[in-house]
PDB file of N, CA and C in Angstrom:
ATOM      1  N   MET A   1     113.231  39.087 120.169  1.00  0.00           N
ATOM      2  CA  MET A   1     113.397  39.952 118.989  1.00  0.00           C
ATOM      3  C   MET A   1     113.801  39.146 117.766  1.00  0.00           C
ATOM      4  N   THR A   2     113.841  39.804 116.641  1.00  0.00           N
ATOM      5  CA  THR A   2     114.181  39.126 115.392  1.00  0.00           C
ATOM      6  C   THR A   2     115.687  39.100 115.191  1.00  0.00           C
ATOM      7  N   ASP A   3     116.103  38.459 114.117  1.00  0.00           N
ATOM      8  CA  ASP A   3     117.525  38.366 113.791  1.00  0.00           C
ATOM      9  C   ASP A   3     118.023  39.595 113.048  1.00  0.00           C
ATOM     10  N   LYS A   4     117.129  40.495 112.693  1.00  0.00           N
ATOM     11  CA  LYS A   4     117.532  41.686 111.945  1.00  0.00           C
ATOM     12  C   LYS A   4     118.405  42.587 112.809  1.00  0.00           C
ATOM     13  N   PRO A   5     119.382  43.221 112.180  1.00  0.00           N
ATOM     14  CA  PRO A   5     120.178  44.200 112.928  1.00  0.00           C
ATOM     15  C   PRO A   5     119.322  45.403 113.292  1.00  0.00           C
ATOM     16  N   LYS A   6     119.662  46.033 114.396  1.00  0.00           N
ATOM     17  CA  LYS A   6     118.886  47.182 114.874  1.00  0.00           C
ATOM     18  C   LYS A   6     118.754  48.254 113.804  1.00  0.00           C
ATOM     19  N   GLU A   7     119.836  48.489 113.061  1.00  0.00           N
ATOM     20  CA  GLU A   7     119.820  49.549 112.044  1.00  0.00           C
ATOM     21  C   GLU A   7     118.737  49.293 111.007  1.00  0.00           C
ATOM     22  N   LYS A   8     118.614  48.030 110.587  1.00  0.00           N
ATOM     23  CA  LYS A   8     117.633  47.704 109.554  1.00  0.00           C
ATOM     24  C   LYS A   8     116.213  47.882 110.087  1.00  0.00           C
ATOM     25  N   VAL A   9     115.974  47.433 111.298  1.00  0.00           N
ATOM     26  CA  VAL A   9     114.656  47.583 111.910  1.00  0.00           C
ATOM     27  C   VAL A   9     114.316  49.057 112.028  1.00  0.00           C
ATOM     28  N   PHE A  10     115.282  49.850 112.466  1.00  0.00           N
ATOM     29  CA  PHE A  10     115.069  51.284 112.625  1.00  0.00           C
ATOM     30  C   PHE A  10     114.750  51.935 111.287  1.00  0.00           C
ATOM     31  N   ALA A  11     115.488  51.569 110.249  1.00  0.00           N
ATOM     32  CA  ALA A  11     115.269  52.134 108.915  1.00  0.00           C
ATOM     33  C   ALA A  11     113.863  51.795 108.420  1.00  0.00           C
ATOM     34  N   GLU A  12     113.422  50.568 108.656  1.00  0.00           N
ATOM     35  CA  GLU A  12     112.081  50.157 108.228  1.00  0.00           C
ATOM     36  C   GLU A  12     111.013  50.960 108.960  1.00  0.00           C
ATOM     37  N   ARG A  13     111.223  51.156 110.251  1.00  0.00           N
ATOM     38  CA  ARG A  13     110.255  51.931 111.035  1.00  0.00           C
ATOM     39  C   ARG A  13     110.186  53.360 110.532  1.00  0.00           C
ATOM     40  N   GLN A  14     111.340  53.947 110.241  1.00  0.00           N
ATOM     41  CA  GLN A  14     111.382  55.319 109.727  1.00  0.00           C
ATOM     42  C   GLN A  14     110.620  55.400 108.406  1.00  0.00           C
ATOM     43  N   ASP A  15     110.812  54.404 107.561  1.00  0.00           N
ATOM     44  CA  ASP A  15     110.131  54.347 106.265  1.00  0.00           C
ATOM     45  C   ASP A  15     108.618  54.318 106.450  1.00  0.00           C
ATOM     46  N   ASN A  16     108.158  53.438 107.319  1.00  0.00           N
ATOM     47  CA  ASN A  16     106.723  53.319 107.575  1.00  0.00           C
ATOM     48  C   ASN A  16     106.171  54.626 108.115  1.00  0.00           C
ATOM     49  N   TYR A  17     106.924  55.255 108.989  1.00  0.00           N
ATOM     50  CA  TYR A  17     106.493  56.519 109.590  1.00  0.00           C
ATOM     51  C   TYR A  17     106.358  57.594 108.522  1.00  0.00           C
ATOM     52  N   LYS A  18     107.345  57.655 107.617  1.00  0.00           N
ATOM     53  CA  LYS A  18     107.312  58.652 106.535  1.00  0.00           C
ATOM     54  C   LYS A  18     106.089  58.444 105.653  1.00  0.00           C
ATOM     55  N   GLN A  19     105.834  57.194 105.277  1.00  0.00           N
ATOM     56  CA  GLN A  19     104.693  56.890 104.411  1.00  0.00           C
ATOM     57  C   GLN A  19     103.384  57.267 105.093  1.00  0.00           C
ATOM     58  N   GLU A  20     103.272  56.941 106.378  1.00  0.00           N
ATOM     59  CA  GLU A  20     102.063  57.259 107.131  1.00  0.00           C
ATOM     60  C   GLU A  20     101.840  58.764 107.167  1.00  0.00           C
ATOM     61  N   LYS A  21     102.916  59.493 107.428  1.00  0.00           N
ATOM     62  CA  LYS A  21     102.833  60.946 107.523  1.00  0.00           C
ATOM     63  C   LYS A  21     102.410  61.540 106.179  1.00  0.00           C
ATOM     64  N   GLU A  22     102.970  61.024 105.096  1.00  0.00           N
ATOM     65  CA  GLU A  22     102.621  61.515 103.753  1.00  0.00           C
ATOM     66  C   GLU A  22     101.134  61.308 103.474  1.00  0.00           C
ATOM     67  N   GLU A  23     100.624  60.122 103.823  1.00  0.00           N
ATOM     68  CA  GLU A  23      99.214  59.824 103.573  1.00  0.00           C
ATOM     69  C   GLU A  23      98.318  60.777 104.357  1.00  0.00           C
ATOM     70  N   ILE A  24      98.654  60.994 105.624  1.00  0.00           N
ATOM     71  CA  ILE A  24      97.862  61.893 106.468  1.00  0.00           C
ATOM     72  C   ILE A  24      97.900  63.300 105.902  1.00  0.00           C
ATOM     73  N   PHE A  25      99.085  63.731 105.472  1.00  0.00           N
ATOM     74  CA  PHE A  25      99.246  65.082 104.938  1.00  0.00           C
ATOM     75  C   PHE A  25      98.430  65.258 103.664  1.00  0.00           C
ATOM     76  N   LYS A  26      98.495  64.263 102.770  1.00  0.00           N
ATOM     77  CA  LYS A  26      97.735  64.342 101.516  1.00  0.00           C
ATOM     78  C   LYS A  26      96.243  64.428 101.808  1.00  0.00           C
ATOM     79  N   GLU A  27      95.777  63.632 102.754  1.00  0.00           N
ATOM     80  CA  GLU A  27      94.359  63.617 103.113  1.00  0.00           C
ATOM     81  C   GLU A  27      93.941  64.975 103.665  1.00  0.00           C
ATOM     82  N   ALA A  28      94.752  65.528 104.534  1.00  0.00           N
ATOM     83  CA  ALA A  28      94.447  66.831 105.131  1.00  0.00           C
ATOM     84  C   ALA A  28      94.442  67.920 104.063  1.00  0.00           C
ATOM     85  N   LEU A  29      95.383  67.849 103.160  1.00  0.00           N
ATOM     86  CA  LEU A  29      95.486  68.845 102.097  1.00  0.00           C
ATOM     87  C   LEU A  29      94.249  68.774 101.202  1.00  0.00           C
ATOM     88  N   LYS A  30      93.823  67.548 100.898  1.00  0.00           N
ATOM     89  CA  LYS A  30      92.644  67.352 100.059  1.00  0.00           C
ATOM     90  C   LYS A  30      91.422  67.962 100.748  1.00  0.00           C
ATOM     91  N   ASP A  31      91.253  67.687 102.025  1.00  0.00           N
ATOM     92  CA  ASP A  31      90.129  68.236 102.784  1.00  0.00           C
ATOM     93  C   ASP A  31      90.174  69.754 102.775  1.00  0.00           C
ATOM     94  N   TYR A  32      91.360  70.304 102.926  1.00  0.00           N
ATOM     95  CA  TYR A  32      91.519  71.756 102.982  1.00  0.00           C
ATOM     96  C   TYR A  32      91.085  72.398 101.669  1.00  0.00           C
ATOM     97  N   HIS A  33      91.456  71.771 100.555  1.00  0.00           N
ATOM     98  CA  HIS A  33      91.127  72.340  99.249  1.00  0.00           C
ATOM     99  C   HIS A  33      89.641  72.185  98.913  1.00  0.00           C
ATOM    100  N   GLU A  34      88.987  71.201  99.525  1.00  0.00           N
ATOM    101  CA  GLU A  34      87.572  70.981  99.243  1.00  0.00           C
ATOM    102  C   GLU A  34      86.699  72.011  99.950  1.00  0.00           C
ATOM    103  N   GLU A  35      87.192  72.568 101.069  1.00  0.00           N
ATOM    104  CA  GLU A  35      86.418  73.558 101.817  1.00  0.00           C
ATOM    105  C   GLU A  35      86.323  74.856 101.023  1.00  0.00           C
ATOM    106  N   PRO A  36      85.165  75.489 101.037  1.00  0.00           N
ATOM    107  CA  PRO A  36      85.055  76.788 100.362  1.00  0.00           C
ATOM    108  C   PRO A  36      85.898  77.824 101.097  1.00  0.00           C
ATOM    109  N   SER A  37      86.769  78.491 100.384  1.00  0.00           N
ATOM    110  CA  SER A  37      87.672  79.431 101.043  1.00  0.00           C
ATOM    111  C   SER A  37      87.001  80.781 101.230  1.00  0.00           C
ATOM    112  N   GLY A  38      87.398  81.488 102.280  1.00  0.00           N
ATOM    113  CA  GLY A  38      86.912  82.836 102.501  1.00  0.00           C
ATOM    114  C   GLY A  38      85.681  82.917 103.383  1.00  0.00           C
ATOM    115  N   GLU A  39      84.936  81.856 103.505  1.00  0.00           N
ATOM    116  CA  GLU A  39      83.706  81.920 104.305  1.00  0.00           C
ATOM    117  C   GLU A  39      83.980  82.273 105.762  1.00  0.00           C
ATOM    118  N   THR A  40      84.946  81.607 106.359  1.00  0.00           N
ATOM    119  CA  THR A  40      85.209  81.830 107.780  1.00  0.00           C
ATOM    120  C   THR A  40      85.685  83.250 108.028  1.00  0.00           C
ATOM    121  N   ILE A  41      86.454  83.805 107.123  1.00  0.00           N
ATOM    122  CA  ILE A  41      86.953  85.172 107.282  1.00  0.00           C
ATOM    123  C   ILE A  41      85.778  86.150 107.271  1.00  0.00           C
ATOM    124  N   GLU A  42      84.851  85.962 106.339  1.00  0.00           N
ATOM    125  CA  GLU A  42      83.686  86.849 106.257  1.00  0.00           C
ATOM    126  C   GLU A  42      82.838  86.743 107.520  1.00  0.00           C
ATOM    127  N   ASP A  43      82.663  85.525 108.030  1.00  0.00           N
ATOM    128  CA  ASP A  43      81.874  85.342 109.245  1.00  0.00           C
ATOM    129  C   ASP A  43      82.510  86.076 110.417  1.00  0.00           C
ATOM    130  N   ASP A  44      83.833  85.973 110.537  1.00  0.00           N
ATOM    131  CA  ASP A  44      84.539  86.626 111.640  1.00  0.00           C
ATOM    132  C   ASP A  44      84.361  88.138 111.570  1.00  0.00           C
ATOM    133  N   GLU A  45      84.412  88.695 110.386  1.00  0.00           N
ATOM    134  CA  GLU A  45      84.299  90.149 110.239  1.00  0.00           C
ATOM    135  C   GLU A  45      82.891  90.627 110.594  1.00  0.00           C
ATOM    136  N   SER A  46      81.883  89.850 110.254  1.00  0.00           N
ATOM    137  CA  SER A  46      80.507  90.270 110.529  1.00  0.00           C
ATOM    138  C   SER A  46      80.201  90.220 112.027  1.00  0.00           C
ATOM    139  N   LYS A  47      80.883  89.342 112.762  1.00  0.00           N
ATOM    140  CA  LYS A  47      80.670  89.242 114.209  1.00  0.00           C
ATOM    141  C   LYS A  47      81.323  90.401 114.943  1.00  0.00           C
ATOM    142  N   ALA A  48      82.429  90.903 114.417  1.00  0.00           N
ATOM    143  CA  ALA A  48      83.210  91.936 115.105  1.00  0.00           C
ATOM    144  C   ALA A  48      82.462  93.256 115.235  1.00  0.00           C
TER     145      ALA A  48
END
């Protein structure tokens, strides 16, 4: 292992995890907004 204290390593990992999660969330949100809304609801109603 490295000379870094466990606390510092843990904090860095938490930071990386947060950044990764934010990027994934932003990407998912962008995809969600690009989809035309309401289409799936109308399709479901016509099948029923």
